[in-house]
Amino acid sequence: MPTPYTKIGFIQNAPMPGDFSVNLRTIVQGYRECLDHGAELVIAPAEALCGPDPGDLTHRRSYIRQMRQAFDALSRELGSAPLLTCLYSTIITEEELWDGMLGEEDVDPEIPAENLTLVPVLLERDSVTELDDGEQNFIDDHCIYISISPEGMLPDLGGLELMVHFDTSPWHMQAPEKDAEERSWEARSNGTPVACVRAVGVAGSSLYGGGSVLYNADGKCMLRMPLFRTAATVGDLRRAKPLRAFPEPEERLRQALVMGIRDTVRRNGYSGVCLPLDHPSSALLAALSCEALGAGNVCGISFSDHCTIARALGCDSRDLSPALPEPSILSRAGLEHPEPLTARLQAALMQSFAEERGLMLLSPLNRRDIMLGNFTLYGDSCGLLAPLGKLYPMDVYLLSRSYSEEHSGLFGALTPPPHAAQNRILHELADLNVSAGELIAREDKLFNENDVRYIQRRIIASAFKRSQLPLMLSIEPPVERLNIPICHRLND
């Protein structure tokens, strides 16, 4: 089936929620780059102008007004090629929408979240037209199927000249290979070119990794854009561009975490980060932070004059141990084990230090620490972001090993982490939604019952502590979970 467009431009930007002026400039710049390379149609991510996950902003009349004004302004900047993207549309009437918009607007009860939906939109010179999601649309008399966040592979639709997907689903480790297989199959089965565009950046704990793609009608990949980087380029359905190989898993994870740290820090208005240097994962966390923000924007905090990590990376460091009270003073409180109190005092000092300097405090906790409760509440759990919070000790080890080749002496002697069987049990219970009874009853007897019950008890006992943790970056695909707290789900 021929396509009305042979050269399709892709804008892969990193939009900010509600920052229409910055997003608009980025789109216009990318659009002009695509136009300079002969694009006949340009596609930007679904939330390229609105920003991902705007949350309560969509309840405000001012947001809706500014969004429509931004789309009008964008349409005036267009040239000969139409632009496809998405906007938030409301089902209330224009009269209701614009009535009373003068003055200071606040949350509007007349625009509940369920009345707003993301819909595809076609922008041409001085024209903005809403299209149908998950339906066939006619653009310049050509039949184009457009959908937002397709779930799996689509049935044979027939009669199509192009399929365009706006993928708003968060990135995860297995996404690139899975998506390549599905989009190639979809193009072959429908005999239709397929374009799939994605944004880059962070929204809350979700990562958006880019990697927009274009397949021809034979299912051959003609263009694959980089992961975790903004870009604007043109894919030609008659001539394939050299394809970038997918990064190795450790490199892919490294790029995701670097982007996640950088975007989270910048989007929340911090000038840099500070982090503890006395935790086993501190070296990796410091290396990731320096790559994301530059060594000049990273400060390490030590309470034992252990600044080897900072010296190896060239970042700033401070020894705050003189600010701690003497052990004899702590002993007067009558505590047999003052370690938790010491950890909380250290956390309070680090938080104060970070706030005075406009830095974001990072927590070094990993997935095993968090799920088993191996941390002091308001102590080493203190911070605004725990970048390693979804990583198991083996992930931390593999990433550390990759960094050790670049920074000799940073990690010392690296050895594989212990407790491999326990970590596997933890993954099955906490991530894959498998009950303890199922693990114990398996015919292969892979897991010891005592180990399973021990992990189960620790997860349940630390449920409240986990509810007060900092933000963690998601790197795993979503799995079906029961809609009840994990501690109740594990009571089998």
Protein backbone atom coordinates (compact mmCIF):
# COMPACT_ATOMS: atom_id res chain seq x y z
CA MET A 1 0.00 0.00 0.00
CA PRO A 2 1.60 3.33 -1.01
CA THR A 3 1.92 6.07 1.56
CA PRO A 4 1.07 9.73 0.96
CA TYR A 5 4.33 10.69 2.67
CA THR A 6 7.77 9.28 1.95
CA LYS A 7 9.72 11.63 4.23
CA ILE A 8 8.37 11.78 7.79
CA GLY A 9 9.91 14.06 10.39
CA PHE A 10 10.17 13.11 14.06
CA ILE A 11 10.54 15.53 16.95
CA GLN A 12 11.69 13.73 20.09
CA ASN A 13 11.63 16.42 22.79
CA ALA A 14 11.67 16.50 26.60
CA PRO A 15 8.54 18.52 27.43
CA MET A 16 7.93 20.22 30.76
CA PRO A 17 4.39 19.98 32.24
CA GLY A 18 2.60 23.28 31.70
CA ASP A 19 5.71 25.12 30.40
CA PHE A 20 4.16 26.01 27.08
CA SER A 21 6.70 28.67 26.08
CA VAL A 22 9.73 26.37 26.43
CA ASN A 23 7.94 23.41 24.84
CA LEU A 24 6.73 25.59 21.98
CA ARG A 25 10.24 26.81 21.18
CA THR A 26 11.58 23.26 21.20
CA ILE A 27 8.86 22.02 18.83
CA VAL A 28 9.30 24.93 16.43
CA GLN A 29 13.06 24.40 16.34
CA GLY A 30 12.63 20.67 15.71
CA TYR A 31 9.94 21.30 13.09
CA ARG A 32 12.20 23.66 11.14
CA GLU A 33 15.06 21.15 11.25
CA CYS A 34 12.74 18.50 9.81
CA LEU A 35 11.47 20.91 7.17
CA ASP A 36 15.05 21.73 6.14
CA HIS A 37 15.56 18.02 5.46
CA GLY A 38 12.49 17.72 3.24
CA ALA A 39 9.87 16.40 5.68
CA GLU A 40 6.39 16.09 4.17
CA LEU A 41 4.77 15.26 7.51
CA VAL A 42 6.13 15.96 11.01
CA ILE A 43 5.13 14.08 14.17
CA ALA A 44 5.80 15.23 17.74
CA PRO A 45 5.12 13.19 20.92
CA ALA A 46 1.62 13.15 22.35
CA GLU A 47 2.44 15.57 25.18
CA ALA A 48 5.16 17.50 23.35
CA LEU A 49 3.46 20.83 24.04
CA CYS A 50 1.36 20.00 27.15
CA GLY A 51 4.03 18.10 29.04
CA PRO A 52 3.70 14.58 30.49
CA ASP A 53 1.37 13.94 33.40
CA PRO A 54 0.26 17.55 34.08
CA GLY A 55 -1.91 16.31 36.97
CA ASP A 56 -4.03 18.96 38.68
CA LEU A 57 -3.04 21.55 36.07
CA THR A 58 -5.68 20.10 33.77
CA HIS A 59 -8.36 21.11 36.31
CA ARG A 60 -7.59 24.78 35.84
CA ARG A 61 -9.32 26.99 33.31
CA SER A 62 -6.05 28.91 32.89
CA TYR A 63 -4.26 25.72 31.81
CA ILE A 64 -6.89 24.97 29.16
CA ARG A 65 -6.78 28.55 27.93
CA GLN A 66 -2.98 28.69 27.78
CA MET A 67 -2.83 25.30 26.08
CA ARG A 68 -5.17 26.41 23.30
CA GLN A 69 -3.29 29.67 22.89
CA ALA A 70 -0.03 27.73 22.62
CA PHE A 71 -1.48 25.47 19.92
CA ASP A 72 -2.73 28.52 18.01
CA ALA A 73 0.73 30.06 18.26
CA LEU A 74 2.32 26.81 17.08
CA SER A 75 0.05 26.64 14.04
CA ARG A 76 1.17 30.12 13.00
CA GLU A 77 4.80 28.95 12.96
CA LEU A 78 4.18 26.05 10.55
CA GLY A 79 5.30 25.83 6.97
CA SER A 80 4.28 23.47 4.20
CA ALA A 81 4.31 20.20 6.20
CA PRO A 82 1.42 19.38 8.56
CA LEU A 83 2.24 18.53 12.19
CA LEU A 84 0.66 15.73 14.21
CA THR A 85 0.67 15.78 18.02
CA CYS A 86 -1.95 15.69 20.83
CA LEU A 87 -3.78 18.03 23.19
CA TYR A 88 -6.09 17.76 26.18
CA SER A 89 -9.69 18.12 25.09
CA THR A 90 -12.75 18.66 27.28
CA ILE A 91 -16.31 17.51 26.66
CA ILE A 92 -17.88 20.68 28.06
CA THR A 93 -18.97 23.34 25.59
CA GLU A 94 -16.87 26.25 24.43
CA GLU A 95 -19.28 28.65 26.13
CA GLU A 96 -18.80 26.88 29.47
CA LEU A 97 -15.07 26.70 28.91
CA TRP A 98 -14.51 30.35 28.12
CA ASP A 99 -17.19 31.81 30.37
CA GLY A 100 -15.64 33.66 33.32
CA MET A 101 -12.04 33.23 32.23
CA LEU A 102 -11.03 36.77 33.05
CA GLY A 103 -9.19 37.39 36.31
CA GLU A 104 -7.34 34.97 38.54
CA GLU A 105 -8.34 31.35 37.94
CA ASP A 106 -8.09 28.54 40.42
CA VAL A 107 -9.13 24.90 40.43
CA ASP A 108 -12.41 24.73 38.54
CA PRO A 109 -14.97 22.20 39.82
CA GLU A 110 -16.74 22.35 36.45
CA ILE A 111 -13.79 20.64 34.72
CA PRO A 112 -13.26 17.33 36.53
CA ALA A 113 -10.41 15.13 35.39
CA GLU A 114 -12.77 12.58 33.83
CA ASN A 115 -14.00 15.27 31.41
CA LEU A 116 -10.52 15.76 29.96
CA THR A 117 -8.86 13.41 27.55
CA LEU A 118 -5.77 13.39 25.37
CA VAL A 119 -6.72 13.42 21.69
CA PRO A 120 -4.69 13.57 18.44
CA VAL A 121 -4.56 16.91 16.68
CA LEU A 122 -3.55 18.02 13.19
CA LEU A 123 -1.83 21.39 12.92
CA GLU A 124 -1.53 23.18 9.62
CA ARG A 125 -0.80 26.81 8.86
CA ASP A 126 -3.24 28.81 11.09
CA SER A 127 -5.36 25.70 11.65
CA VAL A 128 -5.79 23.28 14.59
CA THR A 129 -8.05 20.26 14.03
CA GLU A 130 -8.88 17.56 16.56
CA LEU A 131 -8.77 13.99 15.20
CA ASP A 132 -10.22 10.66 16.35
CA ASP A 133 -8.12 8.45 18.60
CA GLY A 134 -8.01 4.77 17.62
CA GLU A 135 -9.80 5.47 14.36
CA GLN A 136 -9.08 6.05 10.69
CA ASN A 137 -8.61 9.74 9.89
CA PHE A 138 -8.45 11.38 6.48
CA ILE A 139 -5.69 13.94 6.04
CA ASP A 140 -5.47 15.48 2.55
CA ASP A 141 -7.72 12.63 1.34
CA HIS A 142 -5.30 10.02 2.68
CA CYS A 143 -6.42 7.37 5.17
CA ILE A 144 -4.21 7.43 8.28
CA TYR A 145 -4.82 5.45 11.45
CA ILE A 146 -3.85 7.34 14.63
CA SER A 147 -3.77 5.97 18.16
CA ILE A 148 -2.44 6.99 21.58
CA SER A 149 -0.53 4.38 23.63
CA PRO A 150 -1.51 1.26 21.64
CA GLU A 151 -1.93 -1.84 23.76
CA GLY A 152 -0.21 -4.66 21.97
CA MET A 153 -0.69 -5.32 18.25
CA LEU A 154 -3.65 -4.07 16.25
CA PRO A 155 -5.97 -6.17 14.07
CA ASP A 156 -5.94 -5.97 10.29
CA LEU A 157 -7.72 -2.71 9.47
CA GLY A 158 -7.28 -2.59 5.68
CA GLY A 159 -7.26 0.41 3.38
CA LEU A 160 -4.68 2.32 5.41
CA GLU A 161 -1.84 4.39 3.98
CA LEU A 162 -0.04 5.12 7.25
CA MET A 163 -0.31 4.19 10.93
CA VAL A 164 0.82 6.68 13.58
CA HIS A 165 1.18 5.78 17.26
CA PHE A 166 1.68 8.30 20.05
CA ASP A 167 3.21 6.13 22.75
CA THR A 168 2.72 7.70 26.20
CA SER A 169 3.64 4.59 28.19
CA PRO A 170 6.70 4.87 30.48
CA TRP A 171 10.01 3.32 29.46
CA HIS A 172 11.21 0.08 31.01
CA MET A 173 14.19 -2.21 30.48
CA GLN A 174 12.49 -4.65 28.09
CA ALA A 175 10.58 -2.02 26.09
CA PRO A 176 12.84 -1.52 23.01
CA GLU A 177 13.00 -5.17 21.90
CA LYS A 178 9.33 -5.79 22.64
CA ASP A 179 8.26 -2.69 20.75
CA ALA A 180 10.45 -3.49 17.73
CA GLU A 181 8.86 -6.91 17.38
CA GLU A 182 5.30 -5.60 17.70
CA ARG A 183 5.67 -2.63 15.36
CA SER A 184 7.40 -4.73 12.68
CA TRP A 185 4.66 -7.35 12.84
CA GLU A 186 2.01 -4.65 12.68
CA ALA A 187 3.52 -3.09 9.55
CA ARG A 188 3.83 -6.46 7.77
CA SER A 189 0.38 -7.70 8.69
CA ASN A 190 -1.32 -4.50 7.50
CA GLY A 191 1.02 -3.80 4.60
CA THR A 192 1.26 -0.24 5.93
CA PRO A 193 4.16 1.93 7.17
CA VAL A 194 4.11 2.46 10.94
CA ALA A 195 5.46 5.49 12.79
CA CYS A 196 5.73 5.47 16.59
CA VAL A 197 6.88 8.59 18.42
CA ARG A 198 7.87 8.98 22.07
CA ALA A 199 9.05 11.78 24.35
CA VAL A 200 12.15 11.88 26.56
CA GLY A 201 12.29 12.84 30.21
CA VAL A 202 10.83 12.19 33.65
CA ALA A 203 7.37 12.65 35.14
CA GLY A 204 7.20 11.69 38.81
CA SER A 205 8.80 8.26 39.07
CA SER A 206 8.16 7.41 35.40
CA LEU A 207 10.93 7.53 32.81
CA TYR A 208 10.29 8.32 29.15
CA GLY A 209 13.09 7.02 26.98
CA GLY A 210 12.43 8.19 23.43
CA GLY A 211 13.58 5.72 20.76
CA SER A 212 10.94 6.77 18.19
CA VAL A 213 10.80 4.44 15.17
CA LEU A 214 9.61 4.22 11.57
CA TYR A 215 8.87 0.95 9.76
CA ASN A 216 8.03 0.50 6.09
CA ALA A 217 5.19 -1.66 4.79
CA ASP A 218 7.49 -4.71 4.74
CA GLY A 219 8.21 -4.40 8.44
CA LYS A 220 11.76 -3.12 7.94
CA CYS A 221 12.98 -0.50 10.39
CA MET A 222 13.86 2.62 8.41
CA LEU A 223 14.63 4.89 11.36
CA ARG A 224 15.34 4.41 15.05
CA MET A 225 16.00 7.50 17.13
CA PRO A 226 18.35 7.45 20.14
CA LEU A 227 17.25 6.45 23.62
CA PHE A 228 17.23 9.08 26.38
CA ARG A 229 18.21 11.95 24.08
CA THR A 230 16.27 14.75 22.42
CA ALA A 231 16.55 14.88 18.65
CA ALA A 232 14.78 15.93 15.45
CA THR A 233 15.30 14.00 12.24
CA VAL A 234 13.58 12.78 9.08
CA GLY A 235 12.93 9.16 8.15
CA ASP A 236 12.74 8.24 4.47
CA LEU A 237 10.54 5.26 3.61
CA ARG A 238 12.58 4.72 0.42
CA ARG A 239 15.97 4.70 2.10
CA ALA A 240 16.79 3.25 5.51
CA LYS A 241 19.15 5.12 7.82
CA PRO A 242 21.88 3.17 9.60
CA LEU A 243 20.29 1.75 12.73
CA ARG A 244 21.73 2.20 16.19
CA ALA A 245 22.14 -1.08 18.00
CA PHE A 246 20.26 -1.34 21.26
CA PRO A 247 22.61 -0.60 24.17
CA GLU A 248 23.62 -3.48 26.39
CA PRO A 249 21.37 -3.89 29.48
CA GLU A 250 23.87 -2.31 31.88
CA GLU A 251 24.49 0.63 29.54
CA ARG A 252 20.76 1.05 28.97
CA LEU A 253 20.12 1.10 32.71
CA ARG A 254 22.96 3.54 33.22
CA GLN A 255 21.57 5.95 30.59
CA ALA A 256 18.09 5.73 32.12
CA LEU A 257 19.32 6.54 35.63
CA VAL A 258 21.54 9.39 34.42
CA MET A 259 18.62 10.95 32.56
CA GLY A 260 16.31 10.36 35.53
CA ILE A 261 18.63 12.10 37.99
CA ARG A 262 19.34 15.01 35.66
CA ASP A 263 15.70 15.70 34.75
CA THR A 264 14.35 15.24 38.29
CA VAL A 265 16.89 17.66 39.74
CA ARG A 266 16.46 20.31 37.05
CA ARG A 267 12.68 20.11 36.82
CA ASN A 268 12.37 20.69 40.55
CA GLY A 269 14.59 23.76 40.52
CA TYR A 270 17.67 22.43 42.31
CA SER A 271 21.18 23.48 41.33
CA GLY A 272 22.71 20.07 42.08
CA VAL A 273 22.71 17.18 44.54
CA CYS A 274 24.35 16.09 47.74
CA LEU A 275 24.63 12.50 48.90
CA PRO A 276 26.14 10.44 51.72
CA LEU A 277 29.56 8.89 51.07
CA ASP A 278 29.45 6.27 53.83
CA HIS A 279 26.92 3.84 52.29
CA PRO A 280 27.95 0.73 50.28
CA SER A 281 26.14 2.14 47.21
CA SER A 282 27.55 5.66 47.55
CA ALA A 283 30.28 5.22 44.93
CA LEU A 284 27.80 4.22 42.22
CA LEU A 285 25.34 6.93 43.20
CA ALA A 286 28.08 9.56 43.08
CA ALA A 287 29.33 8.35 39.68
CA LEU A 288 25.81 8.48 38.21
CA SER A 289 25.23 11.95 39.66
CA CYS A 290 28.50 13.32 38.29
CA GLU A 291 27.67 11.98 34.82
CA ALA A 292 24.18 13.47 35.00
CA LEU A 293 25.00 16.90 36.41
CA GLY A 294 28.76 17.37 36.22
CA ALA A 295 31.16 16.95 39.13
CA GLY A 296 30.84 20.64 40.01
CA ASN A 297 27.17 20.16 40.89
CA VAL A 298 27.67 17.15 43.18
CA CYS A 299 28.68 17.30 46.84
CA GLY A 300 29.42 14.26 48.98
CA ILE A 301 28.82 14.21 52.74
CA SER A 302 30.93 12.08 55.04
CA PHE A 303 30.85 11.45 58.79
CA SER A 304 34.07 9.46 58.88
CA ASP A 305 36.41 11.61 56.77
CA HIS A 306 35.93 9.05 53.99
CA CYS A 307 36.21 11.30 50.91
CA THR A 308 38.01 8.87 48.57
CA ILE A 309 34.93 8.73 46.34
CA ALA A 310 34.79 12.50 45.97
CA ARG A 311 38.50 12.73 45.15
CA ALA A 312 38.24 10.00 42.51
CA LEU A 313 35.36 11.79 40.77
CA GLY A 314 36.59 15.34 41.28
CA CYS A 315 33.47 16.51 43.09
CA ASP A 316 33.17 18.54 46.28
CA SER A 317 32.95 16.83 49.68
CA ARG A 318 32.33 17.84 53.28
CA ASP A 319 33.10 16.05 56.53
CA LEU A 320 30.26 16.86 58.93
CA SER A 321 31.41 14.56 61.72
CA PRO A 322 32.49 17.50 63.95
CA ALA A 323 28.86 18.64 64.04
CA LEU A 324 27.72 15.40 65.68
CA PRO A 325 27.44 15.25 69.51
CA GLU A 326 29.93 13.14 71.40
CA PRO A 327 28.91 9.50 72.04
CA SER A 328 28.96 10.21 75.78
CA ILE A 329 26.25 12.83 75.30
CA LEU A 330 24.09 10.35 73.37
CA SER A 331 24.57 7.74 76.07
CA ARG A 332 22.98 10.05 78.63
CA ALA A 333 19.64 9.49 76.91
CA GLY A 334 19.68 5.97 78.34
CA LEU A 335 19.66 4.28 74.94
CA GLU A 336 21.29 0.86 74.74
CA HIS A 337 21.62 1.17 70.96
CA PRO A 338 22.12 4.81 69.91
CA GLU A 339 22.86 3.90 66.26
CA PRO A 340 19.35 4.86 64.95
CA LEU A 341 19.58 8.21 66.75
CA THR A 342 23.02 8.83 65.23
CA ALA A 343 21.70 7.97 61.76
CA ARG A 344 18.83 10.44 62.19
CA LEU A 345 21.15 13.20 63.39
CA GLN A 346 23.35 12.61 60.35
CA ALA A 347 20.32 12.80 58.07
CA ALA A 348 19.17 16.06 59.67
CA LEU A 349 22.61 17.59 59.16
CA MET A 350 22.72 16.49 55.50
CA GLN A 351 19.22 17.83 54.84
CA SER A 352 20.07 21.20 56.40
CA PHE A 353 23.31 21.36 54.43
CA ALA A 354 21.43 20.59 51.18
CA GLU A 355 18.66 23.11 51.77
CA GLU A 356 21.07 25.94 52.54
CA ARG A 357 22.79 25.40 49.20
CA GLY A 358 19.77 24.62 47.02
CA LEU A 359 20.81 20.99 46.55
CA MET A 360 18.61 17.91 46.31
CA LEU A 361 19.50 15.27 48.88
CA LEU A 362 19.76 11.76 47.42
CA SER A 363 19.18 8.53 49.33
CA PRO A 364 21.50 5.58 48.49
CA LEU A 365 19.00 2.80 49.34
CA ASN A 366 18.52 -0.10 46.91
CA ARG A 367 15.59 -2.46 46.35
CA ARG A 368 16.70 -5.07 48.88
CA ASP A 369 17.25 -2.44 51.59
CA ILE A 370 13.81 -0.98 50.98
CA MET A 371 11.74 -4.16 50.76
CA LEU A 372 13.34 -5.83 53.78
CA GLY A 373 13.39 -2.67 55.88
CA ASN A 374 17.19 -2.63 56.18
CA PHE A 375 17.32 1.10 56.80
CA THR A 376 16.71 3.63 59.55
CA LEU A 377 13.50 5.60 59.11
CA TYR A 378 14.37 9.33 58.92
CA GLY A 379 18.00 8.21 58.78
CA ASP A 380 19.50 6.73 55.60
CA SER A 381 16.02 6.84 54.07
CA CYS A 382 16.12 10.64 54.28
CA GLY A 383 16.17 12.40 50.91
CA LEU A 384 13.98 13.55 48.04
CA LEU A 385 15.07 10.97 45.46
CA ALA A 386 16.36 7.39 45.73
CA PRO A 387 17.71 6.72 42.21
CA LEU A 388 18.77 3.15 43.07
CA GLY A 389 15.53 2.30 44.86
CA LYS A 390 14.37 -0.14 42.17
CA LEU A 391 17.75 -1.84 41.70
CA TYR A 392 18.67 -5.13 43.31
CA PRO A 393 22.21 -5.64 44.65
CA MET A 394 23.22 -7.50 41.47
CA ASP A 395 22.14 -4.51 39.36
CA VAL A 396 24.22 -2.24 41.60
CA TYR A 397 27.18 -4.59 41.24
CA LEU A 398 26.99 -4.78 37.44
CA LEU A 399 26.67 -1.01 37.08
CA SER A 400 29.54 -0.46 39.50
CA ARG A 401 31.69 -2.85 37.48
CA SER A 402 31.01 -0.89 34.28
CA TYR A 403 32.01 2.38 36.01
CA SER A 404 35.11 0.84 37.58
CA GLU A 405 36.71 0.63 34.13
CA GLU A 406 36.50 4.42 33.83
CA HIS A 407 37.33 5.34 37.44
CA SER A 408 40.11 3.20 38.81
CA GLY A 409 40.14 3.02 42.59
CA LEU A 410 36.60 4.33 42.97
CA PHE A 411 34.99 1.04 43.99
CA GLY A 412 37.86 -0.92 45.46
CA ALA A 413 37.58 -4.71 45.16
CA LEU A 414 34.19 -5.50 43.62
CA THR A 415 32.67 -8.88 44.45
CA PRO A 416 29.26 -10.31 43.48
CA PRO A 417 26.68 -9.61 46.19
CA PRO A 418 25.56 -12.37 48.58
CA HIS A 419 22.02 -13.65 49.21
CA ALA A 420 21.25 -14.49 45.55
CA ALA A 421 18.47 -16.93 46.50
CA GLN A 422 16.88 -14.47 48.93
CA ASN A 423 16.95 -11.71 46.34
CA ARG A 424 15.21 -13.99 43.85
CA ILE A 425 12.53 -14.78 46.45
CA LEU A 426 12.13 -11.06 47.11
CA HIS A 427 11.68 -10.41 43.38
CA GLU A 428 9.04 -13.13 43.08
CA LEU A 429 7.06 -11.91 46.09
CA ALA A 430 7.33 -8.15 45.69
CA ASP A 431 7.59 -7.63 41.94
CA LEU A 432 5.92 -10.58 40.23
CA ASN A 433 2.96 -10.89 42.60
CA VAL A 434 3.66 -14.55 43.42
CA SER A 435 2.44 -15.70 46.84
CA ALA A 436 4.73 -17.36 49.38
CA GLY A 437 2.59 -20.50 49.28
CA GLU A 438 3.11 -20.83 45.52
CA LEU A 439 6.87 -20.51 45.87
CA ILE A 440 7.03 -23.16 48.58
CA ALA A 441 4.76 -25.56 46.70
CA ARG A 442 6.78 -25.54 43.46
CA GLU A 443 7.80 -29.00 42.32
CA ASP A 444 11.39 -27.97 41.63
CA LYS A 445 11.82 -26.98 45.32
CA LEU A 446 13.98 -24.10 44.15
CA PHE A 447 13.34 -22.06 47.29
CA ASN A 448 13.79 -23.08 50.89
CA GLU A 449 10.62 -22.65 52.97
CA ASN A 450 12.46 -20.96 55.81
CA ASP A 451 13.97 -18.42 53.42
CA VAL A 452 10.59 -17.72 51.83
CA ARG A 453 8.89 -17.19 55.18
CA TYR A 454 11.74 -15.02 56.43
CA ILE A 455 11.52 -12.71 53.40
CA GLN A 456 7.73 -12.67 53.69
CA ARG A 457 7.85 -11.60 57.35
CA ARG A 458 10.40 -8.87 56.65
CA ILE A 459 8.37 -7.41 53.79
CA ILE A 460 5.23 -7.30 55.91
CA ALA A 461 7.01 -5.83 58.92
CA SER A 462 8.55 -2.98 56.92
CA ALA A 463 5.37 -1.93 55.08
CA PHE A 464 4.88 1.26 57.09
CA LYS A 465 8.52 2.31 56.71
CA ARG A 466 8.24 1.98 52.93
CA SER A 467 5.27 4.33 52.84
CA GLN A 468 7.55 7.22 53.88
CA LEU A 469 10.36 6.79 51.37
CA PRO A 470 11.58 9.33 48.79
CA LEU A 471 10.73 9.15 45.10
CA MET A 472 12.18 6.19 43.18
CA LEU A 473 12.75 5.94 39.42
CA SER A 474 10.81 3.10 37.78
CA ILE A 475 12.84 0.85 35.48
CA GLU A 476 10.70 -2.29 35.35
CA PRO A 477 7.60 -3.01 33.24
CA PRO A 478 4.28 -2.77 35.07
CA VAL A 479 2.85 -6.10 36.21
CA GLU A 480 -0.65 -7.00 37.21
CA ARG A 481 -1.01 -6.40 40.92
CA LEU A 482 -3.80 -6.99 43.39
CA ASN A 483 -5.44 -3.77 44.49
CA ILE A 484 -4.60 -4.27 48.17
CA PRO A 485 -1.48 -3.44 50.21
CA ILE A 486 1.39 -5.85 49.76
CA CYS A 487 1.47 -6.80 53.44
CA HIS A 488 -2.11 -8.16 53.19
CA ARG A 489 -1.43 -9.80 49.84
CA LEU A 490 1.40 -11.79 51.41
CA ASN A 491 -0.72 -13.23 54.22
CA ASP A 492 -1.29 -16.60 52.57
